C-alpha atoms as a PDB file:
ATOM      1  CA  MET A   1     -28.850-113.248  26.426  1.00  0.00           C
ATOM      2  CA  GLY A   2     -30.666-115.827  24.347  1.00  0.00           C
ATOM      3  CA  ALA A   3     -31.801-117.804  27.398  1.00  0.00           C
ATOM      4  CA  ASP A   4     -33.270-114.726  29.026  1.00  0.00           C
ATOM      5  CA  LEU A   5     -35.156-113.764  25.887  1.00  0.00           C
ATOM      6  CA  ASP A   6     -36.504-117.290  25.483  1.00  0.00           C
ATOM      7  CA  ALA A   7     -37.662-117.191  29.077  1.00  0.00           C
ATOM      8  CA  ALA A   8     -39.502-113.940  28.374  1.00  0.00           C
ATOM      9  CA  ALA A   9     -41.274-115.506  25.430  1.00  0.00           C
ATOM     10  CA  HIS A  10     -42.568-118.354  27.573  1.00  0.00           C
ATOM     11  CA  GLY A  11     -43.986-116.270  30.395  1.00  0.00           C
ATOM     12  CA  VAL A  12     -41.168-116.519  32.972  1.00  0.00           C
ATOM     13  CA  ASP A  13     -41.142-113.541  35.351  1.00  0.00           C
ATOM     14  CA  LEU A  14     -38.852-110.737  34.262  1.00  0.00           C
ATOM     15  CA  ALA A  15     -37.235-107.951  36.235  1.00  0.00           C
ATOM     16  CA  ILE A  16     -39.264-104.908  35.171  1.00  0.00           C
ATOM     17  CA  THR A  17     -38.287-101.864  37.226  1.00  0.00           C
ATOM     18  CA  LEU A  18     -40.453 -98.758  37.137  1.00  0.00           C
ATOM     19  CA  HIS A  19     -38.797 -95.393  37.852  1.00  0.00           C
ATOM     20  CA  HIS A  20     -40.490 -92.045  38.408  1.00  0.00           C
ATOM     21  CA  GLY A  21     -39.218 -89.153  36.315  1.00  0.00           C
ATOM     22  CA  ASP A  22     -35.654 -90.309  35.709  1.00  0.00           C
ATOM     23  CA  LEU A  23     -33.241 -93.221  35.882  1.00  0.00           C
ATOM     24  CA  PRO A  24     -31.294 -93.718  39.108  1.00  0.00           C
ATOM     25  CA  GLU A  25     -27.680 -92.612  39.152  1.00  0.00           C
ATOM     26  CA  GLY A  26     -25.081 -95.206  38.181  1.00  0.00           C
ATOM     27  CA  LEU A  27     -27.303 -97.596  36.214  1.00  0.00           C
ATOM     28  CA  ASP A  28     -25.114 -99.290  33.583  1.00  0.00           C
ATOM     29  CA  PHE A  29     -26.573-100.633  30.327  1.00  0.00           C
ATOM     30  CA  GLY A  30     -23.239-101.480  28.707  1.00  0.00           C
ATOM     31  CA  ASP A  31     -22.265-100.312  25.234  1.00  0.00           C
ATOM     32  CA  SER A  32     -25.786-100.564  23.754  1.00  0.00           C
ATOM     33  CA  VAL A  33     -29.258 -99.924  25.122  1.00  0.00           C
ATOM     34  CA  ALA A  34     -32.645-100.692  23.564  1.00  0.00           C
ATOM     35  CA  VAL A  35     -35.006 -97.722  23.779  1.00  0.00           C
ATOM     36  CA  ASP A  36     -38.701 -97.188  23.086  1.00  0.00           C
ATOM     37  CA  CYS A  37     -41.301 -94.563  23.998  1.00  0.00           C
ATOM     38  CA  GLU A  38     -44.989 -94.579  24.825  1.00  0.00           C
ATOM     39  CA  THR A  39     -46.868 -91.347  24.147  1.00  0.00           C
ATOM     40  CA  MET A  40     -50.438 -90.087  24.255  1.00  0.00           C
ATOM     41  CA  GLY A  41     -50.552 -90.164  20.453  1.00  0.00           C
ATOM     42  CA  LEU A  42     -48.463 -89.858  17.304  1.00  0.00           C
ATOM     43  CA  ASN A  43     -48.280 -86.060  17.028  1.00  0.00           C
ATOM     44  CA  VAL A  44     -44.913 -85.202  18.565  1.00  0.00           C
ATOM     45  CA  SER A  45     -45.673 -81.548  19.328  1.00  0.00           C
ATOM     46  CA  ARG A  46     -49.155 -82.282  20.710  1.00  0.00           C
ATOM     47  CA  ASP A  47     -49.011 -85.659  22.459  1.00  0.00           C
ATOM     48  CA  ARG A  48     -46.855 -85.835  25.542  1.00  0.00           C
ATOM     49  CA  LEU A  49     -44.240 -88.442  26.331  1.00  0.00           C
ATOM     50  CA  CYS A  50     -45.485 -90.826  29.027  1.00  0.00           C
ATOM     51  CA  VAL A  51     -43.001 -93.703  29.364  1.00  0.00           C
ATOM     52  CA  VAL A  52     -39.456 -94.422  28.197  1.00  0.00           C
ATOM     53  CA  GLN A  53     -38.466 -98.088  28.163  1.00  0.00           C
ATOM     54  CA  LEU A  54     -34.865 -99.298  28.227  1.00  0.00           C
ATOM     55  CA  SER A  55     -33.064-102.637  28.263  1.00  0.00           C
ATOM     56  CA  GLY A  56     -29.425-103.633  28.194  1.00  0.00           C
ATOM     57  CA  GLY A  57     -30.263-106.860  26.367  1.00  0.00           C
ATOM     58  CA  ASN A  58     -30.047-109.072  29.452  1.00  0.00           C
ATOM     59  CA  GLY A  59     -33.769-109.819  29.730  1.00  0.00           C
ATOM     60  CA  ASP A  60     -34.461-106.999  32.211  1.00  0.00           C
ATOM     61  CA  ALA A  61     -36.288-103.753  31.476  1.00  0.00           C
ATOM     62  CA  HIS A  62     -36.258-100.336  33.116  1.00  0.00           C
ATOM     63  CA  LEU A  63     -39.300 -98.114  32.567  1.00  0.00           C
ATOM     64  CA  VAL A  64     -39.208 -94.380  33.267  1.00  0.00           C
ATOM     65  CA  GLN A  65     -42.669 -92.912  33.790  1.00  0.00           C
ATOM     66  CA  ILE A  66     -42.723 -89.230  32.827  1.00  0.00           C
ATOM     67  CA  PRO A  67     -45.144 -87.396  35.143  1.00  0.00           C
ATOM     68  CA  VAL A  68     -47.451 -84.733  33.774  1.00  0.00           C
ATOM     69  CA  GLY A  69     -47.051 -81.163  34.966  1.00  0.00           C
ATOM     70  CA  GLU A  70     -43.386 -81.353  36.031  1.00  0.00           C
ATOM     71  CA  GLU A  71     -41.850 -79.665  32.992  1.00  0.00           C
ATOM     72  CA  GLU A  72     -39.267 -76.904  33.180  1.00  0.00           C
ATOM     73  CA  GLU A  73     -40.016 -73.395  31.845  1.00  0.00           C
ATOM     74  CA  SER A  74     -38.755 -74.620  28.469  1.00  0.00           C
ATOM     75  CA  GLY A  75     -41.581 -77.157  28.423  1.00  0.00           C
ATOM     76  CA  MET A  76     -39.128 -80.045  28.618  1.00  0.00           C
ATOM     77  CA  HIS A  77     -38.934 -82.682  31.318  1.00  0.00           C
ATOM     78  CA  ASP A  78     -35.783 -82.675  33.443  1.00  0.00           C
ATOM     79  CA  ALA A  79     -34.277 -86.182  33.448  1.00  0.00           C
ATOM     80  CA  PRO A  80     -30.507 -85.698  33.750  1.00  0.00           C
ATOM     81  CA  HIS A  81     -29.546 -89.363  34.125  1.00  0.00           C
ATOM     82  CA  LEU A  82     -31.764 -90.508  31.256  1.00  0.00           C
ATOM     83  CA  GLY A  83     -30.541 -87.609  29.143  1.00  0.00           C
ATOM     84  CA  ALA A  84     -26.900 -88.433  29.854  1.00  0.00           C
ATOM     85  CA  LEU A  85     -27.448 -92.029  28.742  1.00  0.00           C
ATOM     86  CA  LEU A  86     -29.276 -91.074  25.548  1.00  0.00           C
ATOM     87  CA  SER A  87     -26.597 -88.564  24.539  1.00  0.00           C
ATOM     88  CA  ASP A  88     -23.626 -90.783  25.502  1.00  0.00           C
ATOM     89  CA  GLN A  89     -21.561 -91.225  22.339  1.00  0.00           C
ATOM     90  CA  SER A  90     -20.109 -94.486  23.667  1.00  0.00           C
ATOM     91  CA  VAL A  91     -23.526 -96.149  23.943  1.00  0.00           C
ATOM     92  CA  THR A  92     -25.514 -97.172  20.851  1.00  0.00           C
ATOM     93  CA  LYS A  93     -29.246 -96.610  21.219  1.00  0.00           C
ATOM     94  CA  ILE A  94     -31.268 -99.377  19.509  1.00  0.00           C
ATOM     95  CA  PHE A  95     -34.770 -98.435  18.336  1.00  0.00           C
ATOM     96  CA  HIS A  96     -37.554 -99.876  16.252  1.00  0.00           C
ATOM     97  CA  PHE A  97     -38.750 -96.977  14.086  1.00  0.00           C
ATOM     98  CA  GLY A  98     -36.244 -94.644  15.678  1.00  0.00           C
ATOM     99  CA  ARG A  99     -37.379 -91.725  13.545  1.00  0.00           C
ATOM    100  CA  PHE A 100     -40.380 -91.209  15.846  1.00  0.00           C
ATOM    101  CA  ASP A 101     -38.716 -91.971  19.173  1.00  0.00           C
ATOM    102  CA  ILE A 102     -35.678 -89.776  18.491  1.00  0.00           C
ATOM    103  CA  ALA A 103     -37.969 -86.842  17.682  1.00  0.00           C
ATOM    104  CA  VAL A 104     -40.119 -87.494  20.775  1.00  0.00           C
ATOM    105  CA  LEU A 105     -37.109 -87.633  23.084  1.00  0.00           C
ATOM    106  CA  PHE A 106     -35.604 -84.453  21.652  1.00  0.00           C
ATOM    107  CA  TRP A 107     -38.921 -82.595  21.917  1.00  0.00           C
ATOM    108  CA  ASN A 108     -39.648 -83.696  25.482  1.00  0.00           C
ATOM    109  CA  ILE A 109     -36.233 -84.121  27.112  1.00  0.00           C
ATOM    110  CA  GLY A 110     -33.997 -81.977  24.915  1.00  0.00           C
ATOM    111  CA  VAL A 111     -31.409 -84.596  23.981  1.00  0.00           C
ATOM    112  CA  LEU A 112     -30.532 -85.852  20.512  1.00  0.00           C
ATOM    113  CA  CYS A 113     -29.857 -89.585  20.572  1.00  0.00           C
ATOM    114  CA  GLU A 114     -26.592 -90.539  18.898  1.00  0.00           C
ATOM    115  CA  PRO A 115     -25.270 -93.011  17.831  1.00  0.00           C
ATOM    116  CA  VAL A 116     -28.351 -95.043  16.923  1.00  0.00           C
ATOM    117  CA  TYR A 117     -29.477 -98.285  15.300  1.00  0.00           C
ATOM    118  CA  CYS A 118     -32.989 -98.892  13.941  1.00  0.00           C
ATOM    119  CA  THR A 119     -34.268-102.441  13.511  1.00  0.00           C
ATOM    120  CA  LYS A 120     -37.059-101.231  11.195  1.00  0.00           C
ATOM    121  CA  ILE A 121     -34.580 -99.632   8.786  1.00  0.00           C
ATOM    122  CA  ALA A 122     -32.356-102.703   9.003  1.00  0.00           C
ATOM    123  CA  SER A 123     -35.337-104.937   8.249  1.00  0.00           C
ATOM    124  CA  LYS A 124     -36.365-102.864   5.215  1.00  0.00           C
ATOM    125  CA  LEU A 125     -32.842-103.034   3.817  1.00  0.00           C
ATOM    126  CA  ALA A 126     -32.285-106.725   4.520  1.00  0.00           C
ATOM    127  CA  ARG A 127     -35.735-108.343   4.233  1.00  0.00           C
ATOM    128  CA  THR A 128     -36.720-107.083   0.781  1.00  0.00           C
ATOM    129  CA  TYR A 129     -38.767-110.260   0.218  1.00  0.00           C
ATOM    130  CA  THR A 130     -41.576-108.861   2.421  1.00  0.00           C
ATOM    131  CA  ASP A 131     -43.331-105.606   3.259  1.00  0.00           C
ATOM    132  CA  ARG A 132     -43.941-106.673   6.874  1.00  0.00           C
ATOM    133  CA  HIS A 133     -41.422-104.821   9.007  1.00  0.00           C
ATOM    134  CA  GLY A 134     -43.346-104.278  12.234  1.00  0.00           C
ATOM    135  CA  LEU A 135     -41.737-105.360  15.493  1.00  0.00           C
ATOM    136  CA  LYS A 136     -44.262-108.166  15.923  1.00  0.00           C
ATOM    137  CA  ASP A 137     -43.527-109.456  12.407  1.00  0.00           C
ATOM    138  CA  ILE A 138     -39.754-109.516  12.649  1.00  0.00           C
ATOM    139  CA  CYS A 139     -39.760-110.941  16.190  1.00  0.00           C
ATOM    140  CA  ARG A 140     -41.941-113.811  14.983  1.00  0.00           C
ATOM    141  CA  GLU A 141     -39.810-114.568  11.926  1.00  0.00           C
ATOM    142  CA  LEU A 142     -36.298-113.959  13.223  1.00  0.00           C
ATOM    143  CA  LEU A 143     -36.643-114.934  16.897  1.00  0.00           C
ATOM    144  CA  GLY A 144     -39.693-117.208  16.992  1.00  0.00           C
ATOM    145  CA  ILE A 145     -41.297-114.897  19.573  1.00  0.00           C
ATOM    146  CA  ASP A 146     -44.949-113.860  19.300  1.00  0.00           C
ATOM    147  CA  LEU A 147     -45.462-110.445  20.872  1.00  0.00           C
ATOM    148  CA  SER A 148     -48.832-109.277  22.141  1.00  0.00           C
ATOM    149  CA  LYS A 149     -49.902-105.815  20.965  1.00  0.00           C
ATOM    150  CA  GLN A 150     -53.142-105.615  22.965  1.00  0.00           C
ATOM    151  CA  GLN A 151     -51.962-102.692  25.109  1.00  0.00           C
ATOM    152  CA  GLN A 152     -50.562-100.634  22.231  1.00  0.00           C
ATOM    153  CA  SER A 153     -53.447 -98.157  22.205  1.00  0.00           C
ATOM    154  CA  SER A 154     -54.092 -98.023  25.952  1.00  0.00           C
ATOM    155  CA  ASP A 155     -53.935 -94.862  28.094  1.00  0.00           C
ATOM    156  CA  TRP A 156     -50.229 -94.388  28.734  1.00  0.00           C
ATOM    157  CA  GLY A 157     -50.866 -91.108  30.535  1.00  0.00           C
ATOM    158  CA  ALA A 158     -52.580 -92.827  33.460  1.00  0.00           C
ATOM    159  CA  ALA A 159     -51.013 -92.152  36.846  1.00  0.00           C
ATOM    160  CA  GLN A 160     -51.020 -95.888  37.615  1.00  0.00           C
ATOM    161  CA  LEU A 161     -49.978 -98.245  34.815  1.00  0.00           C
ATOM    162  CA  SER A 162     -51.468-101.735  34.788  1.00  0.00           C
ATOM    163  CA  PRO A 163     -49.330-104.891  34.952  1.00  0.00           C
ATOM    164  CA  GLU A 164     -50.390-105.566  31.351  1.00  0.00           C
ATOM    165  CA  GLN A 165     -49.122-102.159  30.266  1.00  0.00           C
ATOM    166  CA  LEU A 166     -45.806-102.720  32.041  1.00  0.00           C
ATOM    167  CA  ASP A 167     -45.373-106.106  30.375  1.00  0.00           C
ATOM    168  CA  TYR A 168     -46.212-104.642  26.971  1.00  0.00           C
ATOM    169  CA  ALA A 169     -43.834-101.708  27.402  1.00  0.00           C
ATOM    170  CA  ALA A 170     -41.018-104.053  28.432  1.00  0.00           C
ATOM    171  CA  SER A 171     -41.627-106.369  25.474  1.00  0.00           C
ATOM    172  CA  ASP A 172     -40.920-103.511  23.070  1.00  0.00           C
ATOM    173  CA  VAL A 173     -37.264-103.330  24.179  1.00  0.00           C
ATOM    174  CA  LEU A 174     -36.411-106.800  25.487  1.00  0.00           C
ATOM    175  CA  HIS A 175     -35.743-108.284  22.036  1.00  0.00           C
ATOM    176  CA  LEU A 176     -34.063-105.442  20.152  1.00  0.00           C
ATOM    177  CA  HIS A 177     -30.503-106.590  20.875  1.00  0.00           C
ATOM    178  CA  ALA A 178     -31.238-110.061  19.548  1.00  0.00           C
ATOM    179  CA  LEU A 179     -32.969-108.591  16.498  1.00  0.00           C
ATOM    180  CA  ARG A 180     -29.968-106.384  15.791  1.00  0.00           C
ATOM    181  CA  ASP A 181     -27.708-109.452  15.785  1.00  0.00           C
ATOM    182  CA  LYS A 182     -29.996-111.316  13.387  1.00  0.00           C
ATOM    183  CA  LEU A 183     -30.462-108.323  11.097  1.00  0.00           C
ATOM    184  CA  ASP A 184     -26.741-107.547  11.035  1.00  0.00           C
ATOM    185  CA  GLY A 185     -26.175-111.070   9.742  1.00  0.00           C
ATOM    186  CA  LEU A 186     -28.724-110.548   6.973  1.00  0.00           C
ATOM    187  CA  LEU A 187     -27.308-107.127   6.082  1.00  0.00           C
ATOM    188  CA  ALA A 188     -23.805-108.578   5.842  1.00  0.00           C
ATOM    189  CA  ARG A 189     -25.045-111.480   3.704  1.00  0.00           C
ATOM    190  CA  GLU A 190     -26.711-109.090   1.264  1.00  0.00           C
ATOM    191  CA  GLY A 191     -23.800-106.644   1.223  1.00  0.00           C
ATOM    192  CA  ARG A 192     -25.813-103.778   2.732  1.00  0.00           C
ATOM    193  CA  GLY A 193     -24.118-103.283   6.086  1.00  0.00           C
ATOM    194  CA  GLU A 194     -22.342-100.054   5.125  1.00  0.00           C
ATOM    195  CA  LEU A 195     -25.515 -98.668   3.569  1.00  0.00           C
ATOM    196  CA  ALA A 196     -27.403 -99.412   6.792  1.00  0.00           C
ATOM    197  CA  ASP A 197     -24.716 -97.706   8.874  1.00  0.00           C
ATOM    198  CA  SER A 198     -25.049 -94.587   6.712  1.00  0.00           C
ATOM    199  CA  CYS A 199     -28.825 -94.609   7.240  1.00  0.00           C
ATOM    200  CA  PHE A 200     -28.383 -94.915  11.002  1.00  0.00           C
ATOM    201  CA  ARG A 201     -26.001 -91.950  11.047  1.00  0.00           C
ATOM    202  CA  PHE A 202     -28.540 -89.861   9.126  1.00  0.00           C
ATOM    203  CA  LEU A 203     -31.519 -90.912  11.250  1.00  0.00           C
ATOM    204  CA  PRO A 204     -31.152 -88.200  13.945  1.00  0.00           C
ATOM    205  CA  THR A 205     -31.056 -85.609  11.156  1.00  0.00           C
ATOM    206  CA  ARG A 206     -34.203 -87.147   9.646  1.00  0.00           C
ATOM    207  CA  ALA A 207     -35.933 -86.773  13.018  1.00  0.00           C
ATOM    208  CA  MET A 208     -34.843 -83.139  13.256  1.00  0.00           C
ATOM    209  CA  LEU A 209     -36.206 -82.500   9.752  1.00  0.00           C
ATOM    210  CA  ASP A 210     -39.547 -83.877  10.970  1.00  0.00           C
ATOM    211  CA  LEU A 211     -39.555 -81.471  13.909  1.00  0.00           C
ATOM    212  CA  ALA A 212     -38.563 -78.560  11.658  1.00  0.00           C
ATOM    213  CA  GLY A 213     -41.575 -79.087   9.381  1.00  0.00           C
ATOM    214  CA  TRP A 214     -40.254 -81.378   6.647  1.00  0.00           C
ATOM    215  CA  ASP A 215     -42.043 -84.478   7.927  1.00  0.00           C
ATOM    216  CA  ASP A 216     -44.214 -84.950   4.820  1.00  0.00           C
ATOM    217  CA  GLU A 217     -41.795 -83.596   2.202  1.00  0.00           C
ATOM    218  CA  ASP A 218     -38.945 -85.534   0.590  1.00  0.00           C
ATOM    219  CA  ILE A 219     -36.219 -82.909   0.195  1.00  0.00           C
ATOM    220  CA  PHE A 220     -34.283 -85.296  -2.048  1.00  0.00           C
ATOM    221  CA  SER A 221     -37.061 -85.538  -4.618  1.00  0.00           C
ATOM    222  CA  HIS A 222     -36.989 -83.555  -7.900  1.00  0.00           C
END
């Protein structure tokens, strides 16, 4: 895994496979899959899901482009193979800021991702010496990889995605397995592994609270 990730950081060609609407049947990501989403904006109920990126941690990425106008009567997109993977209890879904992606996937595809791991939560619990917990920041510090974020605000709803967009989308999932390994070591060192696990178990509920209208209210406050 490490060699593949290093190759990605130095511009070696990667296997980025683009799928239309759903994953193919029988694609195996192992017991953990890195997941990220690209949307038209940050309002889950307004801005549609455009791309779902996935990686098994082997240096390859699979991108599912969600076409506009192919929703069911429920308003959700029908992606049975992707949905089966995301809801598979034997496969851990690794996110960075999973709170948003879990809500987006539930709203657009109708599946609640469980079990999950979030590298942003892990970073906030383990790296208390900094307030920089973005993916670019932790990849640079923990992996020595400098990610480009130039395509972050591009038009992900375009019918034809550019090579730069595909590379950017892939980079958001290619390193999450390696980050999880590094962050797990830091969490164990600081004695916060069990606390992190409890946060990960609660994360799908936190996403559902967001969708139910408690996105700006802390229900645990006085």
